[in-house]
């Protein structure tokens, strides 16, 4: 495997987006673009990239706007931008897909989105139908519309109170502390991420992970979630694009599997012809870093192989 890194301009017009390509030693047969989650960065996915490149897939990804090293000088971390900046992050994902397509011409391009990255991937599927050979939605969820609407009202109120570029202690408590309470008594504030304590400790030790997202990011993400849950928007997706839902059965983001099932059913109702779902018993949010991690990698690889043209 060969890793190469570069920078491309964000749709925000001022930020350089840090991007990574992992290329197999032999000619690749397909490309997987990865969309990471909130408060983390793309290099955390190198073990998956290593697994897939050994099996003939090129892997591409980038640090989302405001994450990792995709932060402009003087800009706040974990912040996308003003109202409407969710669209910038989705546009960056489209740019990344096209850059991968240019580097590996003629190869099928797949997309994997984890957590917040899955919500971005679901937005992508609506905005850019027919541009992918398939998509994997990992660690995703689906909240009731009333809950999303209440969250958006609260985020707007808190943004006025603390400022768009600052975290809201109240919102972070309602979000992440609520996730962690399901696993009390807690060893750390991030027990909800993983049963694997070493993974949680590595996350805490990584200077590019953790931290409280700004209230502006929460506002944008909740707007994105409201958008992807509307039936009329789901019908804009390409019905022939295969979809795979993967999640831990004990993942609070997916409401312990219930939210994943709701998302799965919404795709089926929208007319998507090839939708699969798998929940991993005992696993929490970061299924790639759980005891079942190698099984998850193998499941991803098998699904990609099955969706290659001509298979």
Protein backbone atom coordinates (compact mmCIF):
# COMPACT_ATOMS: atom_id res chain seq x y z
CA UNK A 1 0.00 0.00 0.00
CA UNK A 2 1.20 3.49 -0.87
CA UNK A 3 -0.20 6.48 1.05
CA UNK A 4 -0.14 9.91 -0.55
CA UNK A 5 -1.49 13.17 0.85
CA UNK A 6 -2.50 16.43 -0.79
CA UNK A 7 -4.73 19.47 -0.33
CA UNK A 8 -7.69 20.66 -2.39
CA UNK A 9 -9.76 23.85 -1.96
CA UNK A 10 -12.95 23.64 0.09
CA UNK A 11 -16.26 24.95 -1.19
CA UNK A 12 -16.02 27.55 1.60
CA UNK A 13 -13.48 29.40 -0.59
CA UNK A 14 -10.76 29.72 2.04
CA UNK A 15 -9.86 26.36 3.59
CA UNK A 16 -7.43 23.80 2.25
CA UNK A 17 -8.90 20.30 2.65
CA UNK A 18 -6.39 17.64 3.70
CA UNK A 19 -6.88 14.55 1.54
CA UNK A 20 -5.37 11.05 1.51
CA UNK A 21 -5.13 8.31 -1.12
CA UNK A 22 -4.23 4.73 -0.23
CA UNK A 23 -3.25 2.82 -3.36
CA UNK A 24 -2.69 -0.94 -3.72
CA UNK A 25 0.62 -2.31 -4.96
CA UNK A 26 -1.29 -3.90 -7.85
CA UNK A 27 -3.82 -2.36 -10.25
CA UNK A 28 -7.00 -1.55 -8.27
CA UNK A 29 -10.41 -2.88 -9.22
CA UNK A 30 -12.51 -0.28 -7.44
CA UNK A 31 -12.32 2.80 -5.22
CA UNK A 32 -13.86 3.46 -1.80
CA UNK A 33 -14.19 7.09 -0.64
CA UNK A 34 -14.54 7.47 3.15
CA UNK A 35 -16.54 10.21 4.90
CA UNK A 36 -15.50 10.27 8.58
CA UNK A 37 -17.48 11.28 11.67
CA UNK A 38 -17.56 14.33 13.92
CA UNK A 39 -14.56 15.17 16.12
CA UNK A 40 -12.19 12.77 14.34
CA UNK A 41 -10.07 12.63 11.16
CA UNK A 42 -9.46 10.49 8.10
CA UNK A 43 -6.20 8.82 9.17
CA UNK A 44 -8.12 6.85 11.78
CA UNK A 45 -9.37 4.77 8.84
CA UNK A 46 -5.93 3.61 7.73
CA UNK A 47 -6.43 0.07 9.13
CA UNK A 48 -9.52 -0.33 6.92
CA UNK A 49 -7.58 1.14 4.01
CA UNK A 50 -4.77 -1.35 4.62
CA UNK A 51 -7.23 -4.26 4.64
CA UNK A 52 -8.92 -3.16 1.42
CA UNK A 53 -5.77 -2.25 -0.53
CA UNK A 54 -4.40 -5.72 0.20
CA UNK A 55 -7.50 -7.02 -1.57
CA UNK A 56 -7.33 -4.76 -4.61
CA UNK A 57 -9.34 -1.68 -3.66
CA UNK A 58 -7.99 1.87 -3.67
CA UNK A 59 -9.20 3.98 -0.74
CA UNK A 60 -9.59 7.76 -0.65
CA UNK A 61 -10.72 10.25 1.95
CA UNK A 62 -10.23 13.66 3.50
CA UNK A 63 -10.62 15.60 6.73
CA UNK A 64 -13.97 17.35 6.64
CA UNK A 65 -14.06 21.12 6.92
CA UNK A 66 -13.10 22.15 10.46
CA UNK A 67 -11.70 18.70 11.29
CA UNK A 68 -8.24 17.18 11.43
CA UNK A 69 -5.90 19.50 9.55
CA UNK A 70 -8.65 20.97 7.33
CA UNK A 71 -8.84 24.07 9.51
CA UNK A 72 -7.97 27.50 8.08
CA UNK A 73 -5.55 29.72 9.99
CA UNK A 74 -7.41 31.43 12.81
CA UNK A 75 -10.61 29.47 12.16
CA UNK A 76 -12.40 27.61 14.96
CA UNK A 77 -12.09 23.84 15.11
CA UNK A 78 -15.21 21.69 14.67
CA UNK A 79 -17.03 24.45 12.80
CA UNK A 80 -18.26 24.34 9.20
CA UNK A 81 -19.34 27.94 8.72
CA UNK A 82 -22.48 30.10 8.74
CA UNK A 83 -26.01 28.91 8.05
CA UNK A 84 -26.04 26.72 4.95
CA UNK A 85 -22.45 25.48 5.33
CA UNK A 86 -23.58 21.83 5.47
CA UNK A 87 -23.80 22.24 1.71
CA UNK A 88 -20.10 23.18 1.56
CA UNK A 89 -19.15 19.94 3.28
CA UNK A 90 -21.32 17.91 0.91
CA UNK A 91 -19.79 19.75 -2.06
CA UNK A 92 -16.32 18.90 -0.72
CA UNK A 93 -17.37 15.25 -0.62
CA UNK A 94 -18.49 15.49 -4.26
CA UNK A 95 -15.17 17.09 -5.18
CA UNK A 96 -13.34 14.27 -3.39
CA UNK A 97 -15.34 11.66 -5.26
CA UNK A 98 -14.47 13.32 -8.57
CA UNK A 99 -10.78 13.59 -7.68
CA UNK A 100 -10.77 9.87 -6.90
CA UNK A 101 -12.49 9.20 -10.21
CA UNK A 102 -9.85 11.23 -12.04
CA UNK A 103 -7.00 9.40 -10.31
CA UNK A 104 -8.52 5.99 -11.05
CA UNK A 105 -10.36 6.50 -14.37
CA UNK A 106 -12.86 3.87 -15.39
CA UNK A 107 -13.11 2.27 -11.94
CA UNK A 108 -16.36 2.09 -9.93
CA UNK A 109 -16.41 4.55 -7.02
CA UNK A 110 -18.13 3.63 -3.77
CA UNK A 111 -18.77 5.79 -0.70
CA UNK A 112 -18.62 4.86 2.99
CA UNK A 113 -19.92 7.32 5.57
CA UNK A 114 -19.57 6.85 9.33
CA UNK A 115 -21.72 8.65 11.92
CA UNK A 116 -21.88 12.34 10.91
CA UNK A 117 -20.17 11.17 7.72
CA UNK A 118 -23.14 8.88 7.08
CA UNK A 119 -25.51 11.86 7.28
CA UNK A 120 -23.28 13.66 4.78
CA UNK A 121 -23.26 10.55 2.59
CA UNK A 122 -27.05 10.38 2.73
CA UNK A 123 -27.23 14.03 1.68
CA UNK A 124 -24.79 13.23 -1.13
CA UNK A 125 -27.03 10.38 -2.37
CA UNK A 126 -29.91 12.84 -2.71
CA UNK A 127 -27.90 15.70 -4.24
CA UNK A 128 -25.75 13.69 -6.65
CA UNK A 129 -27.78 10.62 -7.67
CA UNK A 130 -26.16 8.14 -10.01
CA UNK A 131 -22.56 9.17 -9.30
CA UNK A 132 -21.69 6.15 -7.13
CA UNK A 133 -21.48 2.41 -7.64
CA UNK A 134 -22.81 1.93 -4.10
CA UNK A 135 -22.79 3.38 -0.59
CA UNK A 136 -22.14 2.00 2.90
CA UNK A 137 -23.86 3.84 5.75
CA UNK A 138 -22.11 2.97 9.01
CA UNK A 139 -23.01 4.12 12.52
CA UNK A 140 -26.01 6.04 11.22
CA UNK A 141 -29.40 6.64 12.79
CA UNK A 142 -32.83 8.14 12.30
CA UNK A 143 -34.54 10.31 14.91
CA UNK A 144 -38.21 11.18 15.04
CA UNK A 145 -38.93 14.40 13.09
CA UNK A 146 -40.26 16.09 16.24
CA UNK A 147 -36.99 15.38 18.06
CA UNK A 148 -34.96 16.80 15.16
CA UNK A 149 -37.19 19.89 15.01
CA UNK A 150 -36.81 20.47 18.77
CA UNK A 151 -33.05 20.09 18.45
CA UNK A 152 -32.93 22.68 15.68
CA UNK A 153 -34.89 25.17 17.79
CA UNK A 154 -32.56 24.59 20.74
CA UNK A 155 -29.44 24.90 18.55
CA UNK A 156 -30.67 28.21 17.10
CA UNK A 157 -31.37 29.54 20.60
CA UNK A 158 -27.98 28.41 21.91
CA UNK A 159 -26.18 29.91 18.90
CA UNK A 160 -27.61 33.31 19.82
CA UNK A 161 -26.57 32.76 23.42
CA UNK A 162 -22.98 31.46 23.11
CA UNK A 163 -22.08 32.45 19.53
CA UNK A 164 -21.98 30.34 16.38
CA UNK A 165 -18.30 29.43 16.71
CA UNK A 166 -18.44 28.24 20.32
CA UNK A 167 -19.66 24.99 21.87
CA UNK A 168 -22.90 24.91 23.83
CA UNK A 169 -22.42 23.05 27.13
CA UNK A 170 -26.15 22.36 27.22
CA UNK A 171 -26.35 20.83 23.74
CA UNK A 172 -23.21 18.75 24.23
CA UNK A 173 -24.62 17.45 27.50
CA UNK A 174 -27.95 16.54 25.90
CA UNK A 175 -26.17 14.78 23.02
CA UNK A 176 -22.99 13.03 24.11
CA UNK A 177 -23.64 12.69 27.83
CA UNK A 178 -26.98 11.09 27.00
CA UNK A 179 -25.15 8.56 24.82
CA UNK A 180 -22.73 7.76 27.64
CA UNK A 181 -25.41 7.35 30.30
CA UNK A 182 -26.52 4.17 28.57
CA UNK A 183 -23.23 2.59 29.68
CA UNK A 184 -23.03 3.89 33.26
CA UNK A 185 -21.05 3.69 35.43
CA UNK A 186 -18.63 5.35 33.02
CA UNK A 187 -14.86 5.07 32.88
CA UNK A 188 -14.54 8.02 30.45
CA UNK A 189 -16.77 10.54 28.67
CA UNK A 190 -16.44 8.46 25.49
CA UNK A 191 -17.39 4.97 26.66
CA UNK A 192 -20.25 5.08 24.13
CA UNK A 193 -17.74 4.93 21.28
CA UNK A 194 -16.48 1.44 21.94
CA UNK A 195 -16.47 -1.57 24.24
CA UNK A 196 -12.76 -1.71 23.42
CA UNK A 197 -11.11 0.40 26.14
CA UNK A 198 -7.85 0.65 24.19
CA UNK A 199 -9.72 2.27 21.31
CA UNK A 200 -11.35 4.80 23.65
CA UNK A 201 -7.96 5.61 25.21
CA UNK A 202 -6.37 6.04 21.78
CA UNK A 203 -9.19 8.40 20.81
CA UNK A 204 -8.65 10.45 23.97
CA UNK A 205 -4.89 10.60 23.34
CA UNK A 206 -5.25 11.74 19.71
CA UNK A 207 -4.92 15.55 19.53
CA UNK A 208 -7.08 15.60 16.39
CA UNK A 209 -9.95 13.74 18.08
CA UNK A 210 -12.47 14.72 20.72
CA UNK A 211 -13.47 18.16 21.83
CA UNK A 212 -16.92 19.69 21.81
CA UNK A 213 -18.36 20.60 18.40
CA UNK A 214 -19.43 24.20 17.99
CA UNK A 215 -23.12 24.99 18.20
CA UNK A 216 -22.87 26.15 14.57
CA UNK A 217 -21.84 22.63 13.54
CA UNK A 218 -24.73 21.12 15.51
CA UNK A 219 -27.15 23.52 13.82
CA UNK A 220 -25.89 22.52 10.38
CA UNK A 221 -25.88 18.80 11.13
CA UNK A 222 -29.42 18.87 12.50
CA UNK A 223 -30.52 20.73 9.37
CA UNK A 224 -28.85 18.03 7.30
CA UNK A 225 -30.57 15.28 9.28
CA UNK A 226 -33.96 16.95 8.79
CA UNK A 227 -33.24 17.12 5.04
CA UNK A 228 -32.28 13.45 4.63
CA UNK A 229 -35.29 12.19 6.57
CA UNK A 230 -37.90 13.82 4.29
CA UNK A 231 -39.62 11.27 2.07
CA UNK A 232 -39.74 13.65 -0.91
CA UNK A 233 -35.95 14.06 -0.75
CA UNK A 234 -35.30 10.34 -0.45
CA UNK A 235 -37.21 9.82 -3.70
CA UNK A 236 -34.55 11.88 -5.49
CA UNK A 237 -31.95 9.15 -4.88
CA UNK A 238 -30.99 6.79 -7.68
CA UNK A 239 -33.02 3.66 -6.96
CA UNK A 240 -30.40 1.45 -8.57
CA UNK A 241 -27.54 2.50 -6.25
CA UNK A 242 -26.90 -0.39 -3.81
CA UNK A 243 -26.93 0.56 -0.12
CA UNK A 244 -25.48 -1.29 2.89
CA UNK A 245 -26.30 -0.27 6.48
CA UNK A 246 -23.78 -1.41 9.11
CA UNK A 247 -24.00 -0.62 12.82
CA UNK A 248 -23.31 -1.86 16.30
CA UNK A 249 -26.40 -3.26 17.99
CA UNK A 250 -25.38 -1.25 21.09
CA UNK A 251 -24.69 2.01 19.24
CA UNK A 252 -26.63 4.88 20.87
CA UNK A 253 -26.36 7.01 17.71
CA UNK A 254 -28.51 4.37 16.02
CA UNK A 255 -30.76 4.07 19.10
CA UNK A 256 -29.42 0.57 19.80
CA UNK A 257 -30.41 -0.59 16.32
CA UNK A 258 -33.91 0.92 16.25
CA UNK A 259 -32.81 4.08 14.42
CA UNK A 260 -30.82 2.03 11.91
CA UNK A 261 -33.88 -0.07 11.17
CA UNK A 262 -35.95 3.09 10.69
CA UNK A 263 -33.39 4.45 8.22
CA UNK A 264 -33.28 1.10 6.42
CA UNK A 265 -37.06 1.00 6.09
CA UNK A 266 -37.15 4.59 4.81
CA UNK A 267 -34.78 3.63 1.98
CA UNK A 268 -36.93 0.62 1.14
CA UNK A 269 -40.07 2.79 1.07
CA UNK A 270 -38.34 5.29 -1.22
CA UNK A 271 -37.91 2.57 -3.81
CA UNK A 272 -34.21 1.74 -3.52
CA UNK A 273 -33.97 -1.73 -5.06
CA UNK A 274 -30.88 -3.12 -3.30
CA UNK A 275 -30.73 -2.35 0.44
CA UNK A 276 -29.03 -4.53 3.06
CA UNK A 277 -28.53 -4.12 6.80
CA UNK A 278 -26.33 -5.81 9.39
CA UNK A 279 -26.13 -5.13 13.13
CA UNK A 280 -23.18 -6.46 15.13
CA UNK A 281 -24.22 -7.83 18.56
CA UNK A 282 -22.46 -6.21 21.51
CA UNK A 283 -20.71 -3.57 19.40
CA UNK A 284 -21.08 0.16 20.09
CA UNK A 285 -20.48 3.14 17.78
CA UNK A 286 -17.05 2.51 16.24
CA UNK A 287 -17.57 -0.97 14.86
CA UNK A 288 -14.26 -0.94 12.96
CA UNK A 289 -12.45 -0.69 16.30
CA UNK A 290 -14.43 -3.29 18.21
CA UNK A 291 -13.57 -6.98 18.70
CA UNK A 292 -15.57 -7.63 15.51
CA UNK A 293 -13.46 -5.13 13.55
CA UNK A 294 -11.90 -7.64 11.19
CA UNK A 295 -15.30 -9.19 10.52
CA UNK A 296 -16.63 -5.72 9.65
CA UNK A 297 -13.71 -5.16 7.25
CA UNK A 298 -14.38 -8.55 5.64
CA UNK A 299 -18.09 -7.77 5.30
CA UNK A 300 -17.29 -4.43 3.65
CA UNK A 301 -14.85 -6.08 1.25
CA UNK A 302 -17.27 -8.87 0.32
CA UNK A 303 -20.04 -6.35 -0.34
CA UNK A 304 -17.77 -4.19 -2.52
CA UNK A 305 -16.69 -7.26 -4.49
CA UNK A 306 -20.29 -8.31 -4.99
CA UNK A 307 -21.20 -4.85 -6.36
CA UNK A 308 -18.36 -4.60 -8.87
CA UNK A 309 -19.67 -4.28 -12.43
CA UNK A 310 -20.05 -7.64 -14.11
CA UNK A 311 -20.35 -9.58 -10.86
